[in-house]
């Protein structure tokens, strides 16, 4: 996947937050108050669609034609993990990334590791509970 420009990334973040399929016209209407120019938006939507960031998930009748309903093809987490991997950060960095998220990366190794382990155990417990609910 190609790197996103600042504008394209802002649009993707907005779409991830909005979390509903939209036509490009609907996007333009909703984003106009935030300063988005229709031409800029349509170019961004075309780029994102052509490069696999947005996918067509349906069609909506608009006057005599049909408009494509678009939705992110990847999650926010998938996008940002790809960005990190492209910058040389991989799963081996997970403990250090977790420490940075927790704000404990400057602590002594023993204290930092204990907090990282605790957070990861909490995440694992939540995933197990979610998994049990799905069964």
N, C-alpha and C. Protein backbone atom coordinates (compact mmCIF):
# COMPACT_ATOMS: atom_id res chain seq x y z
N UNK A 1 0.84 -1.19 0.00
CA UNK A 1 0.00 0.00 0.00
C UNK A 1 0.88 1.24 0.00
N UNK A 2 0.43 2.25 -0.69
CA UNK A 2 1.16 3.52 -0.75
C UNK A 2 1.00 4.30 0.55
N UNK A 3 2.00 5.13 0.84
CA UNK A 3 1.88 6.02 1.99
C UNK A 3 0.79 7.05 1.73
N UNK A 4 0.10 7.43 2.78
CA UNK A 4 -0.97 8.42 2.65
C UNK A 4 -0.42 9.82 2.91
N UNK A 5 -0.97 10.79 2.20
CA UNK A 5 -0.65 12.18 2.49
C UNK A 5 -1.37 12.56 3.79
N UNK A 6 -1.03 13.69 4.34
CA UNK A 6 -1.68 14.15 5.58
C UNK A 6 -3.19 14.25 5.37
N UNK A 7 -3.60 14.80 4.25
CA UNK A 7 -5.03 14.97 3.96
C UNK A 7 -5.73 13.61 3.83
N UNK A 8 -5.11 12.68 3.11
CA UNK A 8 -5.70 11.35 2.93
C UNK A 8 -5.80 10.63 4.27
N UNK A 9 -4.77 10.78 5.10
CA UNK A 9 -4.79 10.15 6.42
C UNK A 9 -5.89 10.76 7.29
N UNK A 10 -6.08 12.08 7.20
CA UNK A 10 -7.16 12.72 7.96
C UNK A 10 -8.52 12.20 7.51
N UNK A 11 -8.68 12.01 6.21
CA UNK A 11 -9.95 11.49 5.69
C UNK A 11 -10.17 10.06 6.19
N UNK A 12 -9.13 9.23 6.14
CA UNK A 12 -9.27 7.86 6.64
C UNK A 12 -9.62 7.86 8.12
N UNK A 13 -8.97 8.69 8.92
CA UNK A 13 -9.28 8.75 10.35
C UNK A 13 -10.73 9.17 10.57
N UNK A 14 -11.21 10.10 9.78
CA UNK A 14 -12.61 10.53 9.88
C UNK A 14 -13.54 9.37 9.52
N UNK A 15 -13.20 8.65 8.45
CA UNK A 15 -14.04 7.53 8.02
C UNK A 15 -14.04 6.40 9.05
N UNK A 16 -12.89 6.12 9.64
CA UNK A 16 -12.84 5.08 10.69
C UNK A 16 -13.72 5.48 11.86
N UNK A 17 -13.69 6.75 12.21
CA UNK A 17 -14.51 7.23 13.33
C UNK A 17 -15.99 7.23 12.96
N UNK A 18 -16.31 7.66 11.75
CA UNK A 18 -17.71 7.72 11.31
C UNK A 18 -18.31 6.31 11.24
N UNK A 19 -17.56 5.36 10.72
CA UNK A 19 -17.89 3.94 10.77
C UNK A 19 -19.19 3.55 10.08
N UNK A 20 -19.51 4.23 8.98
CA UNK A 20 -20.67 3.88 8.17
C UNK A 20 -20.34 4.11 6.70
N UNK A 21 -20.83 3.25 5.81
CA UNK A 21 -20.57 3.47 4.38
C UNK A 21 -21.17 4.79 3.91
N UNK A 22 -20.45 5.48 3.04
CA UNK A 22 -20.90 6.76 2.51
C UNK A 22 -20.55 6.87 1.03
N UNK A 23 -21.34 7.64 0.31
CA UNK A 23 -20.96 8.00 -1.05
C UNK A 23 -19.99 9.18 -0.95
N UNK A 24 -19.28 9.45 -2.01
CA UNK A 24 -18.36 10.59 -1.99
C UNK A 24 -19.13 11.90 -1.82
N UNK A 25 -20.34 11.97 -2.36
CA UNK A 25 -21.17 13.17 -2.19
C UNK A 25 -21.55 13.37 -0.73
N UNK A 26 -21.91 12.28 -0.05
CA UNK A 26 -22.23 12.37 1.38
C UNK A 26 -21.01 12.80 2.18
N UNK A 27 -19.84 12.25 1.82
CA UNK A 27 -18.61 12.66 2.50
C UNK A 27 -18.38 14.16 2.33
N UNK A 28 -18.54 14.63 1.10
CA UNK A 28 -18.32 16.05 0.80
C UNK A 28 -19.26 16.93 1.61
N UNK A 29 -20.53 16.53 1.71
CA UNK A 29 -21.50 17.31 2.47
C UNK A 29 -21.15 17.35 3.95
N UNK A 30 -20.75 16.21 4.50
CA UNK A 30 -20.43 16.13 5.93
C UNK A 30 -19.11 16.82 6.27
N UNK A 31 -18.18 16.83 5.33
CA UNK A 31 -16.86 17.40 5.61
C UNK A 31 -16.70 18.86 5.18
N UNK A 32 -17.68 19.39 4.45
CA UNK A 32 -17.61 20.79 4.02
C UNK A 32 -17.44 21.76 5.20
N UNK A 33 -18.18 21.56 6.31
CA UNK A 33 -18.00 22.47 7.45
C UNK A 33 -16.59 22.41 8.06
N UNK A 34 -15.88 21.31 7.80
CA UNK A 34 -14.52 21.17 8.33
C UNK A 34 -13.47 21.70 7.36
N UNK A 35 -13.93 22.37 6.28
CA UNK A 35 -13.01 23.01 5.35
C UNK A 35 -12.57 22.16 4.17
N UNK A 36 -13.22 21.03 3.96
CA UNK A 36 -12.85 20.20 2.83
C UNK A 36 -13.43 20.75 1.54
N UNK A 37 -12.61 20.93 0.55
CA UNK A 37 -13.01 21.33 -0.80
C UNK A 37 -13.48 20.07 -1.52
N UNK A 38 -14.56 20.17 -2.27
CA UNK A 38 -15.14 18.99 -2.95
C UNK A 38 -14.13 18.33 -3.89
N UNK A 39 -13.38 19.13 -4.65
CA UNK A 39 -12.41 18.57 -5.60
C UNK A 39 -11.30 17.82 -4.86
N UNK A 40 -10.79 18.42 -3.78
CA UNK A 40 -9.74 17.78 -2.98
C UNK A 40 -10.26 16.47 -2.40
N UNK A 41 -11.48 16.49 -1.91
CA UNK A 41 -12.08 15.29 -1.33
C UNK A 41 -12.22 14.20 -2.39
N UNK A 42 -12.73 14.55 -3.55
CA UNK A 42 -12.93 13.55 -4.61
C UNK A 42 -11.60 12.95 -5.06
N UNK A 43 -10.55 13.77 -5.13
CA UNK A 43 -9.22 13.25 -5.48
C UNK A 43 -8.73 12.28 -4.40
N UNK A 44 -8.93 12.64 -3.14
CA UNK A 44 -8.51 11.78 -2.03
C UNK A 44 -9.29 10.47 -2.07
N UNK A 45 -10.59 10.54 -2.28
CA UNK A 45 -11.43 9.34 -2.34
C UNK A 45 -10.98 8.44 -3.50
N UNK A 46 -10.68 9.04 -4.64
CA UNK A 46 -10.24 8.25 -5.80
C UNK A 46 -8.91 7.55 -5.49
N UNK A 47 -7.97 8.28 -4.90
CA UNK A 47 -6.69 7.68 -4.52
C UNK A 47 -6.90 6.53 -3.54
N UNK A 48 -7.68 6.78 -2.51
CA UNK A 48 -7.91 5.76 -1.47
C UNK A 48 -8.60 4.52 -2.03
N UNK A 49 -9.50 4.72 -2.97
CA UNK A 49 -10.20 3.59 -3.60
C UNK A 49 -9.24 2.84 -4.52
N UNK A 50 -8.51 3.58 -5.37
CA UNK A 50 -7.58 2.95 -6.30
C UNK A 50 -6.48 2.17 -5.60
N UNK A 51 -6.11 2.59 -4.40
CA UNK A 51 -5.00 1.97 -3.68
C UNK A 51 -5.44 1.00 -2.58
N UNK A 52 -6.72 0.65 -2.56
CA UNK A 52 -7.19 -0.41 -1.68
C UNK A 52 -7.51 0.00 -0.25
N UNK A 53 -7.55 1.29 0.03
CA UNK A 53 -7.89 1.75 1.38
C UNK A 53 -9.41 1.81 1.57
N UNK A 54 -10.13 2.08 0.49
CA UNK A 54 -11.60 2.11 0.53
C UNK A 54 -12.12 1.05 -0.43
N UNK A 55 -13.25 0.43 -0.05
CA UNK A 55 -13.86 -0.55 -0.93
C UNK A 55 -15.33 -0.20 -1.13
N UNK A 56 -15.84 -0.62 -2.26
CA UNK A 56 -17.26 -0.42 -2.57
C UNK A 56 -18.04 -1.49 -1.82
N UNK A 57 -19.00 -1.04 -1.00
CA UNK A 57 -19.80 -1.99 -0.22
C UNK A 57 -21.28 -1.93 -0.58
N UNK A 58 -21.60 -1.17 -1.62
CA UNK A 58 -22.98 -1.07 -2.06
C UNK A 58 -23.15 0.11 -3.00
N UNK A 59 -24.39 0.29 -3.42
CA UNK A 59 -24.72 1.39 -4.32
C UNK A 59 -25.97 2.08 -3.82
N UNK A 60 -26.08 3.36 -4.11
CA UNK A 60 -27.25 4.14 -3.71
C UNK A 60 -27.74 4.91 -4.93
N UNK A 61 -29.04 4.81 -5.18
CA UNK A 61 -29.59 5.53 -6.33
C UNK A 61 -29.56 7.03 -6.05
N UNK A 62 -29.00 7.75 -7.00
CA UNK A 62 -28.88 9.19 -6.89
C UNK A 62 -29.37 9.79 -8.21
N UNK A 63 -30.56 10.36 -8.20
CA UNK A 63 -31.21 10.86 -9.41
C UNK A 63 -31.35 9.70 -10.39
N UNK A 64 -30.70 9.78 -11.57
CA UNK A 64 -30.83 8.72 -12.58
C UNK A 64 -29.64 7.76 -12.59
N UNK A 65 -28.69 7.98 -11.67
CA UNK A 65 -27.50 7.12 -11.65
C UNK A 65 -27.36 6.47 -10.27
N UNK A 66 -26.36 5.65 -10.16
CA UNK A 66 -26.06 5.01 -8.88
C UNK A 66 -24.71 5.51 -8.39
N UNK A 67 -24.64 5.79 -7.09
CA UNK A 67 -23.39 6.23 -6.46
C UNK A 67 -22.85 5.08 -5.63
N UNK A 68 -21.53 4.95 -5.63
CA UNK A 68 -20.89 3.89 -4.85
C UNK A 68 -20.87 4.27 -3.37
N UNK A 69 -21.24 3.31 -2.53
CA UNK A 69 -21.10 3.46 -1.08
C UNK A 69 -19.73 2.90 -0.72
N UNK A 70 -18.91 3.71 -0.07
CA UNK A 70 -17.54 3.32 0.25
C UNK A 70 -17.35 3.16 1.74
N UNK A 71 -16.43 2.25 2.08
CA UNK A 71 -16.13 1.97 3.49
C UNK A 71 -14.66 1.57 3.56
N UNK A 72 -13.98 1.89 4.66
CA UNK A 72 -12.56 1.50 4.76
C UNK A 72 -12.37 -0.01 4.56
N UNK A 73 -11.38 -0.34 3.75
CA UNK A 73 -11.07 -1.75 3.46
C UNK A 73 -10.14 -2.33 4.52
N UNK A 74 -9.50 -1.46 5.29
CA UNK A 74 -8.62 -1.91 6.37
C UNK A 74 -8.99 -1.13 7.63
N UNK A 75 -8.63 -1.69 8.76
CA UNK A 75 -8.90 -1.01 10.02
C UNK A 75 -7.80 0.02 10.29
N UNK A 76 -8.08 0.90 11.20
CA UNK A 76 -7.09 1.89 11.62
C UNK A 76 -5.85 1.19 12.16
N UNK A 77 -6.05 0.15 12.94
CA UNK A 77 -4.94 -0.60 13.52
C UNK A 77 -4.09 -1.27 12.45
N UNK A 78 -4.76 -1.82 11.42
CA UNK A 78 -4.01 -2.44 10.33
C UNK A 78 -3.17 -1.41 9.59
N UNK A 79 -3.75 -0.25 9.34
CA UNK A 79 -3.01 0.81 8.64
C UNK A 79 -1.78 1.24 9.43
N UNK A 80 -1.99 1.57 10.71
CA UNK A 80 -0.88 2.08 11.50
C UNK A 80 0.16 1.01 11.80
N UNK A 81 -0.24 -0.26 11.89
CA UNK A 81 0.77 -1.31 12.07
C UNK A 81 1.61 -1.43 10.80
N UNK A 82 1.01 -1.25 9.63
CA UNK A 82 1.76 -1.26 8.37
C UNK A 82 2.74 -0.09 8.32
N UNK A 83 2.29 1.08 8.75
CA UNK A 83 3.17 2.24 8.80
C UNK A 83 4.37 1.95 9.69
N UNK A 84 4.12 1.39 10.87
CA UNK A 84 5.21 1.06 11.79
C UNK A 84 6.16 0.03 11.18
N UNK A 85 5.61 -1.00 10.56
CA UNK A 85 6.45 -2.04 9.95
C UNK A 85 7.31 -1.45 8.84
N UNK A 86 6.74 -0.52 8.07
CA UNK A 86 7.51 0.14 7.00
C UNK A 86 8.65 0.97 7.57
N UNK A 87 8.54 1.35 8.83
CA UNK A 87 9.59 2.13 9.48
C UNK A 87 10.53 1.24 10.30
N UNK A 88 10.39 -0.08 10.15
CA UNK A 88 11.30 -1.01 10.79
C UNK A 88 10.89 -1.49 12.17
N UNK A 89 9.66 -1.19 12.58
CA UNK A 89 9.18 -1.65 13.88
C UNK A 89 8.30 -2.87 13.64
N UNK A 90 8.59 -3.96 14.36
CA UNK A 90 7.84 -5.19 14.13
C UNK A 90 7.35 -5.77 15.46
N UNK A 91 6.84 -6.99 15.42
CA UNK A 91 6.28 -7.60 16.62
C UNK A 91 7.32 -7.79 17.72
N UNK A 92 8.60 -7.83 17.36
CA UNK A 92 9.65 -7.93 18.38
C UNK A 92 9.70 -6.67 19.24
N UNK A 93 9.12 -5.58 18.75
CA UNK A 93 9.10 -4.31 19.47
C UNK A 93 7.85 -4.15 20.33
N UNK A 94 7.00 -5.16 20.37
CA UNK A 94 5.71 -5.06 21.05
C UNK A 94 5.84 -4.64 22.51
N UNK A 95 6.79 -5.22 23.24
CA UNK A 95 6.96 -4.87 24.66
C UNK A 95 7.35 -3.40 24.81
N UNK A 96 8.26 -2.93 23.97
CA UNK A 96 8.70 -1.53 24.07
C UNK A 96 7.59 -0.57 23.63
N UNK A 97 6.83 -0.96 22.63
CA UNK A 97 5.69 -0.13 22.20
C UNK A 97 4.66 -0.05 23.31
N UNK A 98 4.37 -1.19 23.95
CA UNK A 98 3.42 -1.21 25.06
C UNK A 98 3.92 -0.32 26.19
N UNK A 99 5.21 -0.40 26.49
CA UNK A 99 5.80 0.44 27.54
C UNK A 99 5.64 1.91 27.19
N UNK A 100 5.85 2.26 25.94
CA UNK A 100 5.69 3.65 25.51
C UNK A 100 4.24 4.11 25.64
N UNK A 101 3.29 3.23 25.25
CA UNK A 101 1.87 3.57 25.40
C UNK A 101 1.50 3.78 26.86
N UNK A 102 2.09 2.98 27.73
CA UNK A 102 1.79 3.08 29.16
C UNK A 102 2.56 4.22 29.83
N UNK A 103 3.50 4.81 29.11
CA UNK A 103 4.28 5.90 29.68
C UNK A 103 5.31 5.43 30.69
N UNK A 104 5.78 4.20 30.56
CA UNK A 104 6.72 3.66 31.53
C UNK A 104 8.07 3.29 30.89
N UNK A 105 8.31 3.73 29.68
CA UNK A 105 9.53 3.31 28.97
C UNK A 105 10.81 3.80 29.63
N UNK A 106 10.73 4.83 30.45
CA UNK A 106 11.93 5.37 31.12
C UNK A 106 12.17 4.75 32.50
N UNK A 107 11.27 3.90 32.94
CA UNK A 107 11.42 3.27 34.26
C UNK A 107 12.50 2.20 34.22
N UNK A 108 12.90 1.77 35.40
CA UNK A 108 13.86 0.67 35.50
C UNK A 108 13.28 -0.56 34.82
N UNK A 109 14.14 -1.36 34.22
CA UNK A 109 13.69 -2.52 33.44
C UNK A 109 12.71 -3.40 34.21
N UNK A 110 13.00 -3.69 35.46
CA UNK A 110 12.14 -4.57 36.26
C UNK A 110 10.74 -3.97 36.42
N UNK A 111 10.67 -2.67 36.77
CA UNK A 111 9.38 -2.01 36.94
C UNK A 111 8.63 -1.90 35.61
N UNK A 112 9.37 -1.53 34.57
CA UNK A 112 8.76 -1.40 33.24
C UNK A 112 8.20 -2.75 32.80
N UNK A 113 9.00 -3.80 32.91
CA UNK A 113 8.55 -5.13 32.48
C UNK A 113 7.33 -5.58 33.26
N UNK A 114 7.29 -5.29 34.56
CA UNK A 114 6.15 -5.69 35.38
C UNK A 114 4.88 -5.01 34.89
N UNK A 115 4.97 -3.72 34.57
CA UNK A 115 3.77 -3.00 34.10
C UNK A 115 3.35 -3.47 32.71
N UNK A 116 4.32 -3.74 31.85
CA UNK A 116 4.00 -4.24 30.51
C UNK A 116 3.33 -5.61 30.61
N UNK A 117 3.90 -6.50 31.42
CA UNK A 117 3.32 -7.83 31.60
C UNK A 117 1.89 -7.73 32.14
N UNK A 118 1.69 -6.86 33.11
CA UNK A 118 0.36 -6.67 33.70
C UNK A 118 -0.64 -6.22 32.64
N UNK A 119 -0.24 -5.24 31.82
CA UNK A 119 -1.14 -4.73 30.78
C UNK A 119 -1.44 -5.81 29.74
N UNK A 120 -0.42 -6.54 29.32
CA UNK A 120 -0.63 -7.59 28.33
C UNK A 120 -1.50 -8.71 28.89
N UNK A 121 -1.34 -9.05 30.17
CA UNK A 121 -2.21 -10.05 30.80
C UNK A 121 -3.65 -9.57 30.84
N UNK A 122 -3.84 -8.28 31.10
CA UNK A 122 -5.18 -7.69 31.10
C UNK A 122 -5.81 -7.80 29.71
N UNK A 123 -5.04 -7.51 28.68
CA UNK A 123 -5.53 -7.60 27.30
C UNK A 123 -5.89 -9.05 26.97
N UNK A 124 -5.03 -9.98 27.36
CA UNK A 124 -5.28 -11.40 27.10
C UNK A 124 -6.57 -11.85 27.81
N UNK A 125 -6.75 -11.42 29.05
CA UNK A 125 -7.96 -11.79 29.80
C UNK A 125 -9.21 -11.25 29.10
N UNK A 126 -9.16 -10.02 28.61
CA UNK A 126 -10.30 -9.44 27.89
C UNK A 126 -10.58 -10.21 26.61
N UNK A 127 -9.53 -10.57 25.89
CA UNK A 127 -9.71 -11.35 24.66
C UNK A 127 -10.32 -12.72 24.95
N UNK A 128 -9.89 -13.34 26.03
CA UNK A 128 -10.45 -14.65 26.40
C UNK A 128 -11.93 -14.53 26.73
N UNK A 129 -12.29 -13.48 27.48
CA UNK A 129 -13.70 -13.27 27.83
C UNK A 129 -14.52 -13.03 26.56
N UNK A 130 -14.02 -12.20 25.66
CA UNK A 130 -14.72 -11.95 24.40
C UNK A 130 -14.87 -13.22 23.59
N UNK A 131 -13.82 -14.03 23.58
CA UNK A 131 -13.84 -15.28 22.84
C UNK A 131 -14.85 -16.25 23.43
N UNK A 132 -14.96 -16.30 24.74
CA UNK A 132 -15.92 -17.19 25.40
C UNK A 132 -17.36 -16.75 25.12
N UNK A 133 -17.57 -15.44 25.03
CA UNK A 133 -18.92 -14.91 24.71
C UNK A 133 -19.35 -15.32 23.32
N UNK A 134 -18.37 -15.38 22.39
CA UNK A 134 -18.67 -15.70 21.00
C UNK A 134 -18.97 -17.18 20.79
N UNK A 135 -18.64 -18.02 21.77
CA UNK A 135 -18.84 -19.47 21.61
C UNK A 135 -20.25 -19.88 21.89
